[in-house]
Amino acid sequence: MKVKKHKHKSKLLIIEGSSVLVLEKKEGKKRFILAGGFLKKGESPVEGLFREVYEETGVNLTLEDIKFFFSSTQIESNQNALTRHYFLLIKKEHKFENKELEKFKSLKWVEWKKVVKFINESDKNAIESLFNCNNSANE
């Protein structure tokens, strides 16, 4: 199958204990998203992540702040592909704020088992794999 259009997103997993820092969408039913978004043409996954996180939360990240987690590609029925690149925040001293009040109701810490009920499937898989790995390591 030939892919018509291939887009990329970068997402940041911000974890504290068993909670995830999420943005809650303003419109419609309850829905959470991870900080991050679509890459602009010519941007690397890291550049796109830094830009999106700054736009949404006001935090300027550096390479020392993050660690690559994984990427996954999904091919839609319309033959478009979307690759999501996930990164972990490893330095915790940043103060994140909701900078896009027109889009998001709030930026808040939510227990990961609640987050996965209100987030897209790909982000849900990333969160579950992170916490399931951590739980296995602690047993």
N, C-alpha and C. Protein backbone atom coordinates (compact mmCIF):
# COMPACT_ATOMS: atom_id res chain seq x y z
N MET A 1 0.84 -1.18 0.00
CA MET A 1 0.00 0.00 0.00
C MET A 1 0.89 1.24 0.00
N LYS A 2 0.55 2.16 -0.88
CA LYS A 2 1.31 3.40 -0.97
C LYS A 2 0.67 4.46 -0.06
N VAL A 3 1.52 5.12 0.72
CA VAL A 3 1.06 6.17 1.63
C VAL A 3 0.93 7.48 0.86
N LYS A 4 -0.24 8.12 0.98
CA LYS A 4 -0.47 9.40 0.29
C LYS A 4 0.22 10.56 1.01
N LYS A 5 -0.07 10.68 2.29
CA LYS A 5 0.45 11.79 3.09
C LYS A 5 0.97 11.21 4.40
N HIS A 6 2.14 11.70 4.84
CA HIS A 6 2.72 11.20 6.10
C HIS A 6 2.97 12.39 7.01
N LYS A 7 2.25 12.44 8.11
CA LYS A 7 2.42 13.51 9.10
C LYS A 7 3.09 12.95 10.34
N HIS A 8 3.69 13.86 11.12
CA HIS A 8 4.38 13.48 12.35
C HIS A 8 3.91 14.36 13.50
N LYS A 9 3.81 13.75 14.69
CA LYS A 9 3.51 14.45 15.93
C LYS A 9 4.57 14.09 16.94
N SER A 10 4.89 15.03 17.82
CA SER A 10 5.75 14.74 18.97
C SER A 10 4.96 15.01 20.23
N LYS A 11 5.08 14.12 21.21
CA LYS A 11 4.32 14.21 22.46
C LYS A 11 5.27 14.06 23.64
N LEU A 12 4.95 14.76 24.74
CA LEU A 12 5.78 14.71 25.94
C LEU A 12 5.01 14.04 27.07
N LEU A 13 5.60 12.99 27.62
CA LEU A 13 5.05 12.31 28.79
C LEU A 13 5.70 12.94 30.03
N ILE A 14 4.87 13.60 30.84
CA ILE A 14 5.34 14.25 32.07
C ILE A 14 4.72 13.48 33.22
N ILE A 15 5.56 12.77 33.95
CA ILE A 15 5.11 11.83 34.97
C ILE A 15 5.61 12.24 36.35
N GLU A 16 4.73 12.12 37.33
CA GLU A 16 5.11 12.34 38.74
C GLU A 16 4.40 11.26 39.55
N GLY A 17 5.16 10.31 40.06
CA GLY A 17 4.55 9.19 40.77
C GLY A 17 3.69 8.39 39.82
N SER A 18 2.38 8.30 40.12
CA SER A 18 1.47 7.57 39.24
C SER A 18 0.55 8.53 38.48
N SER A 19 0.93 9.81 38.42
CA SER A 19 0.12 10.81 37.72
C SER A 19 0.82 11.31 36.46
N VAL A 20 -0.02 11.78 35.52
CA VAL A 20 0.45 12.31 34.24
C VAL A 20 -0.05 13.75 34.14
N LEU A 21 0.82 14.66 33.68
CA LEU A 21 0.40 16.04 33.46
C LEU A 21 -0.25 16.12 32.09
N VAL A 22 -1.53 16.50 32.06
CA VAL A 22 -2.30 16.53 30.82
C VAL A 22 -2.99 17.88 30.65
N LEU A 23 -3.29 18.19 29.41
CA LEU A 23 -4.12 19.34 29.08
C LEU A 23 -5.53 18.82 28.85
N GLU A 24 -6.52 19.49 29.46
CA GLU A 24 -7.90 19.09 29.25
C GLU A 24 -8.52 19.99 28.19
N LYS A 25 -9.04 19.37 27.13
CA LYS A 25 -9.65 20.13 26.03
C LYS A 25 -10.86 20.90 26.55
N LYS A 26 -11.11 22.05 25.92
CA LYS A 26 -12.19 22.93 26.35
C LYS A 26 -13.54 22.49 25.77
N GLU A 27 -13.55 22.13 24.51
CA GLU A 27 -14.80 21.86 23.80
C GLU A 27 -15.24 20.41 23.92
N GLY A 28 -16.56 20.20 23.92
CA GLY A 28 -17.11 18.86 23.87
C GLY A 28 -16.94 18.07 25.15
N LYS A 29 -17.01 16.73 24.98
CA LYS A 29 -16.90 15.85 26.15
C LYS A 29 -15.49 15.84 26.70
N LYS A 30 -15.35 15.37 27.92
CA LYS A 30 -14.06 15.35 28.62
C LYS A 30 -13.02 14.61 27.77
N ARG A 31 -11.89 15.30 27.53
CA ARG A 31 -10.81 14.69 26.75
C ARG A 31 -9.49 15.31 27.18
N PHE A 32 -8.51 14.44 27.42
CA PHE A 32 -7.17 14.89 27.78
C PHE A 32 -6.23 14.71 26.60
N ILE A 33 -5.19 15.54 26.56
CA ILE A 33 -4.11 15.33 25.59
C ILE A 33 -2.78 15.54 26.30
N LEU A 34 -1.74 14.95 25.72
CA LEU A 34 -0.38 15.19 26.19
C LEU A 34 0.13 16.45 25.52
N ALA A 35 1.02 17.17 26.17
CA ALA A 35 1.64 18.35 25.54
C ALA A 35 2.38 17.89 24.29
N GLY A 36 2.29 18.70 23.24
CA GLY A 36 2.94 18.36 21.97
C GLY A 36 1.96 18.55 20.83
N GLY A 37 2.40 18.18 19.62
CA GLY A 37 1.52 18.34 18.48
C GLY A 37 2.23 18.05 17.17
N PHE A 38 1.59 18.49 16.08
CA PHE A 38 2.10 18.23 14.73
C PHE A 38 3.39 18.99 14.46
N LEU A 39 4.27 18.34 13.72
CA LEU A 39 5.52 18.97 13.30
C LEU A 39 5.25 19.84 12.08
N LYS A 40 5.96 20.95 11.98
CA LYS A 40 5.92 21.78 10.77
C LYS A 40 6.90 21.19 9.76
N LYS A 41 6.70 21.52 8.51
CA LYS A 41 7.58 21.03 7.45
C LYS A 41 9.03 21.39 7.77
N GLY A 42 9.91 20.39 7.70
CA GLY A 42 11.33 20.60 7.95
C GLY A 42 11.76 20.47 9.40
N GLU A 43 10.80 20.39 10.33
CA GLU A 43 11.14 20.25 11.75
C GLU A 43 11.49 18.80 12.08
N SER A 44 12.46 18.64 12.96
CA SER A 44 12.74 17.30 13.50
C SER A 44 11.72 17.03 14.61
N PRO A 45 11.57 15.77 15.03
CA PRO A 45 10.66 15.48 16.14
C PRO A 45 11.01 16.27 17.41
N VAL A 46 12.28 16.46 17.69
CA VAL A 46 12.68 17.21 18.89
C VAL A 46 12.35 18.69 18.73
N GLU A 47 12.64 19.27 17.57
CA GLU A 47 12.33 20.69 17.34
C GLU A 47 10.82 20.93 17.46
N GLY A 48 10.03 20.05 16.86
CA GLY A 48 8.58 20.18 16.94
C GLY A 48 8.07 20.06 18.37
N LEU A 49 8.66 19.13 19.11
CA LEU A 49 8.29 18.95 20.52
C LEU A 49 8.58 20.22 21.31
N PHE A 50 9.78 20.76 21.15
CA PHE A 50 10.16 21.97 21.88
C PHE A 50 9.21 23.13 21.55
N ARG A 51 8.89 23.32 20.27
CA ARG A 51 8.00 24.41 19.86
C ARG A 51 6.60 24.22 20.44
N GLU A 52 6.05 23.02 20.27
CA GLU A 52 4.69 22.76 20.75
C GLU A 52 4.57 22.88 22.27
N VAL A 53 5.53 22.32 22.99
CA VAL A 53 5.49 22.39 24.46
C VAL A 53 5.59 23.85 24.91
N TYR A 54 6.43 24.64 24.25
CA TYR A 54 6.54 26.06 24.60
C TYR A 54 5.21 26.78 24.34
N GLU A 55 4.60 26.53 23.16
CA GLU A 55 3.34 27.19 22.82
C GLU A 55 2.24 26.84 23.81
N GLU A 56 2.18 25.58 24.23
CA GLU A 56 1.10 25.12 25.09
C GLU A 56 1.34 25.38 26.58
N THR A 57 2.60 25.36 27.01
CA THR A 57 2.88 25.43 28.46
C THR A 57 3.85 26.53 28.88
N GLY A 58 4.49 27.20 27.93
CA GLY A 58 5.43 28.25 28.27
C GLY A 58 6.80 27.77 28.70
N VAL A 59 7.07 26.47 28.61
CA VAL A 59 8.35 25.91 29.06
C VAL A 59 9.28 25.72 27.87
N ASN A 60 10.50 26.26 27.99
CA ASN A 60 11.55 26.05 27.00
C ASN A 60 12.36 24.82 27.40
N LEU A 61 12.18 23.73 26.69
CA LEU A 61 12.91 22.50 26.98
C LEU A 61 14.28 22.51 26.31
N THR A 62 15.19 21.70 26.84
CA THR A 62 16.50 21.46 26.21
C THR A 62 16.67 19.95 26.06
N LEU A 63 17.69 19.56 25.33
CA LEU A 63 17.96 18.13 25.14
C LEU A 63 18.20 17.42 26.47
N GLU A 64 18.75 18.12 27.45
CA GLU A 64 19.02 17.52 28.76
C GLU A 64 17.73 17.23 29.54
N ASP A 65 16.62 17.86 29.14
CA ASP A 65 15.35 17.70 29.84
C ASP A 65 14.58 16.45 29.44
N ILE A 66 14.90 15.90 28.27
CA ILE A 66 14.05 14.84 27.72
C ILE A 66 14.85 13.58 27.38
N LYS A 67 14.09 12.50 27.22
CA LYS A 67 14.66 11.22 26.79
C LYS A 67 13.67 10.61 25.81
N PHE A 68 14.17 10.11 24.68
CA PHE A 68 13.29 9.47 23.70
C PHE A 68 12.68 8.22 24.30
N PHE A 69 11.38 8.01 24.09
CA PHE A 69 10.69 6.82 24.60
C PHE A 69 10.43 5.84 23.46
N PHE A 70 9.62 6.23 22.46
CA PHE A 70 9.42 5.40 21.27
C PHE A 70 8.61 6.16 20.24
N SER A 71 8.55 5.60 19.02
CA SER A 71 7.72 6.14 17.94
C SER A 71 6.80 5.03 17.45
N SER A 72 5.63 5.41 16.98
CA SER A 72 4.73 4.44 16.36
C SER A 72 4.06 5.09 15.16
N THR A 73 3.87 4.29 14.11
CA THR A 73 3.24 4.78 12.89
C THR A 73 1.94 4.03 12.67
N GLN A 74 0.92 4.80 12.33
CA GLN A 74 -0.40 4.23 12.06
C GLN A 74 -0.79 4.65 10.65
N ILE A 75 -1.24 3.68 9.85
CA ILE A 75 -1.72 4.00 8.50
C ILE A 75 -3.24 3.95 8.54
N GLU A 76 -3.84 5.07 8.18
CA GLU A 76 -5.30 5.20 8.21
C GLU A 76 -5.91 4.52 6.99
N SER A 77 -7.23 4.35 7.01
CA SER A 77 -7.93 3.71 5.89
C SER A 77 -7.85 4.56 4.61
N ASN A 78 -7.63 5.86 4.77
CA ASN A 78 -7.50 6.74 3.59
C ASN A 78 -6.07 6.77 3.06
N GLN A 79 -5.23 5.87 3.54
CA GLN A 79 -3.83 5.72 3.12
C GLN A 79 -2.93 6.87 3.57
N ASN A 80 -3.38 7.64 4.55
CA ASN A 80 -2.51 8.64 5.17
C ASN A 80 -1.84 7.99 6.38
N ALA A 81 -0.61 8.40 6.65
CA ALA A 81 0.13 7.84 7.79
C ALA A 81 0.39 8.93 8.82
N LEU A 82 0.38 8.52 10.08
CA LEU A 82 0.70 9.42 11.18
C LEU A 82 1.70 8.72 12.09
N THR A 83 2.87 9.34 12.25
CA THR A 83 3.87 8.82 13.18
C THR A 83 3.88 9.71 14.41
N ARG A 84 3.76 9.08 15.56
CA ARG A 84 3.82 9.80 16.84
C ARG A 84 5.15 9.46 17.51
N HIS A 85 5.87 10.50 17.92
CA HIS A 85 7.16 10.36 18.60
C HIS A 85 6.93 10.74 20.06
N TYR A 86 7.24 9.82 20.96
CA TYR A 86 7.03 10.06 22.40
C TYR A 86 8.35 10.28 23.11
N PHE A 87 8.36 11.28 23.98
CA PHE A 87 9.54 11.62 24.78
C PHE A 87 9.11 11.68 26.24
N LEU A 88 10.05 11.38 27.13
CA LEU A 88 9.83 11.47 28.57
C LEU A 88 10.53 12.71 29.11
N LEU A 89 9.87 13.42 30.00
CA LEU A 89 10.54 14.51 30.71
C LEU A 89 11.36 13.89 31.83
N ILE A 90 12.66 14.16 31.84
CA ILE A 90 13.50 13.58 32.88
C ILE A 90 13.97 14.61 33.91
N LYS A 91 13.90 15.89 33.57
CA LYS A 91 14.22 16.95 34.54
C LYS A 91 12.90 17.58 34.96
N LYS A 92 12.65 17.62 36.25
CA LYS A 92 11.32 17.97 36.76
C LYS A 92 11.17 19.39 37.30
N GLU A 93 12.20 20.22 37.18
CA GLU A 93 12.10 21.52 37.87
C GLU A 93 11.33 22.60 37.09
N HIS A 94 10.73 22.26 35.97
CA HIS A 94 10.00 23.24 35.17
C HIS A 94 8.62 23.53 35.77
N LYS A 95 8.14 24.75 35.52
CA LYS A 95 6.80 25.13 35.94
C LYS A 95 5.93 25.24 34.69
N PHE A 96 5.09 24.25 34.48
CA PHE A 96 4.21 24.21 33.31
C PHE A 96 2.93 24.97 33.60
N GLU A 97 2.46 25.75 32.61
CA GLU A 97 1.21 26.51 32.72
C GLU A 97 0.42 26.34 31.44
N ASN A 98 -0.89 26.48 31.53
CA ASN A 98 -1.74 26.43 30.35
C ASN A 98 -1.64 27.77 29.63
N LYS A 99 -0.96 27.80 28.49
CA LYS A 99 -0.76 29.04 27.73
C LYS A 99 -1.75 29.18 26.57
N GLU A 100 -2.57 28.16 26.34
CA GLU A 100 -3.55 28.22 25.25
C GLU A 100 -4.96 28.09 25.85
N LEU A 101 -5.34 29.16 26.54
CA LEU A 101 -6.62 29.17 27.26
C LEU A 101 -7.82 29.04 26.33
N GLU A 102 -7.64 29.43 25.07
CA GLU A 102 -8.74 29.30 24.12
C GLU A 102 -8.98 27.84 23.71
N LYS A 103 -7.97 26.98 23.87
CA LYS A 103 -8.07 25.57 23.48
C LYS A 103 -8.28 24.63 24.66
N PHE A 104 -7.67 24.97 25.80
CA PHE A 104 -7.64 24.04 26.93
C PHE A 104 -8.28 24.64 28.18
N LYS A 105 -9.09 23.82 28.83
CA LYS A 105 -9.75 24.21 30.08
C LYS A 105 -8.73 24.27 31.21
N SER A 106 -7.81 23.31 31.23
CA SER A 106 -6.83 23.27 32.32
C SER A 106 -5.63 22.41 31.96
N LEU A 107 -4.60 22.57 32.77
CA LEU A 107 -3.40 21.74 32.73
C LEU A 107 -3.31 21.16 34.13
N LYS A 108 -3.38 19.82 34.24
CA LYS A 108 -3.46 19.26 35.58
C LYS A 108 -2.86 17.87 35.67
N TRP A 109 -2.53 17.50 36.90
CA TRP A 109 -2.03 16.16 37.21
C TRP A 109 -3.23 15.25 37.40
N VAL A 110 -3.22 14.12 36.68
CA VAL A 110 -4.32 13.15 36.78
C VAL A 110 -3.72 11.76 36.91
N GLU A 111 -4.29 10.95 37.78
CA GLU A 111 -3.89 9.55 37.95
C GLU A 111 -3.92 8.85 36.58
N TRP A 112 -2.84 8.15 36.22
CA TRP A 112 -2.71 7.58 34.88
C TRP A 112 -3.86 6.66 34.51
N LYS A 113 -4.41 5.92 35.47
CA LYS A 113 -5.51 4.99 35.16
C LYS A 113 -6.79 5.75 34.78
N LYS A 114 -6.92 7.00 35.22
CA LYS A 114 -8.05 7.83 34.82
C LYS A 114 -7.75 8.49 33.46
N VAL A 115 -6.50 8.91 33.26
CA VAL A 115 -6.11 9.56 32.00
C VAL A 115 -6.44 8.67 30.81
N VAL A 116 -6.10 7.38 30.90
CA VAL A 116 -6.26 6.49 29.74
C VAL A 116 -7.71 6.31 29.32
N LYS A 117 -8.66 6.70 30.17
CA LYS A 117 -10.08 6.62 29.82
C LYS A 117 -10.52 7.79 28.94
N PHE A 118 -9.73 8.87 28.94
CA PHE A 118 -10.14 10.10 28.26
C PHE A 118 -9.08 10.62 27.29
N ILE A 119 -8.29 9.72 26.70
CA ILE A 119 -7.20 10.14 25.83
C ILE A 119 -7.22 9.26 24.58
N ASN A 120 -6.59 9.70 23.48
CA ASN A 120 -6.63 8.90 22.25
C ASN A 120 -5.88 7.58 22.43
N GLU A 121 -6.18 6.65 21.56
CA GLU A 121 -5.67 5.28 21.68
C GLU A 121 -4.15 5.19 21.68
N SER A 122 -3.49 5.94 20.81
CA SER A 122 -2.03 5.89 20.73
C SER A 122 -1.38 6.41 22.01
N ASP A 123 -1.88 7.53 22.52
CA ASP A 123 -1.35 8.08 23.77
C ASP A 123 -1.66 7.14 24.94
N LYS A 124 -2.83 6.52 24.91
CA LYS A 124 -3.20 5.53 25.93
C LYS A 124 -2.18 4.39 25.95
N ASN A 125 -1.83 3.88 24.76
CA ASN A 125 -0.86 2.78 24.67
C ASN A 125 0.50 3.19 25.21
N ALA A 126 0.92 4.43 24.92
CA ALA A 126 2.21 4.93 25.41
C ALA A 126 2.21 5.00 26.93
N ILE A 127 1.14 5.55 27.50
CA ILE A 127 1.04 5.69 28.96
C ILE A 127 0.99 4.32 29.63
N GLU A 128 0.17 3.43 29.09
CA GLU A 128 0.06 2.09 29.68
C GLU A 128 1.38 1.34 29.60
N SER A 129 2.07 1.45 28.48
CA SER A 129 3.35 0.72 28.37
C SER A 129 4.38 1.29 29.33
N LEU A 130 4.38 2.60 29.54
CA LEU A 130 5.30 3.21 30.49
C LEU A 130 5.02 2.73 31.91
N PHE A 131 3.76 2.78 32.33
CA PHE A 131 3.43 2.38 33.70
C PHE A 131 3.53 0.87 33.89
N ASN A 132 3.20 0.10 32.88
CA ASN A 132 3.33 -1.35 33.00
C ASN A 132 4.80 -1.76 33.09
N CYS A 133 5.68 -1.06 32.35
CA CYS A 133 7.13 -1.31 32.46
C CYS A 133 7.62 -0.97 33.86
N ASN A 134 7.19 0.19 34.37
CA ASN A 134 7.61 0.62 35.70
C ASN A 134 7.10 -0.33 36.78
N ASN A 135 5.86 -0.80 36.63
CA ASN A 135 5.30 -1.72 37.61
C ASN A 135 6.04 -3.05 37.60
N SER A 136 6.41 -3.54 36.42
CA SER A 136 7.15 -4.80 36.30
C SER A 136 8.53 -4.68 36.94
N ALA A 137 9.17 -3.53 36.75
CA ALA A 137 10.51 -3.30 37.31
C ALA A 137 10.48 -3.23 38.83
N ASN A 138 9.34 -2.78 39.37
CA ASN A 138 9.23 -2.62 40.83
C ASN A 138 8.78 -3.89 41.55
N GLU A 139 8.37 -4.91 40.79
CA GLU A 139 7.88 -6.15 41.42
C GLU A 139 9.00 -7.07 41.78
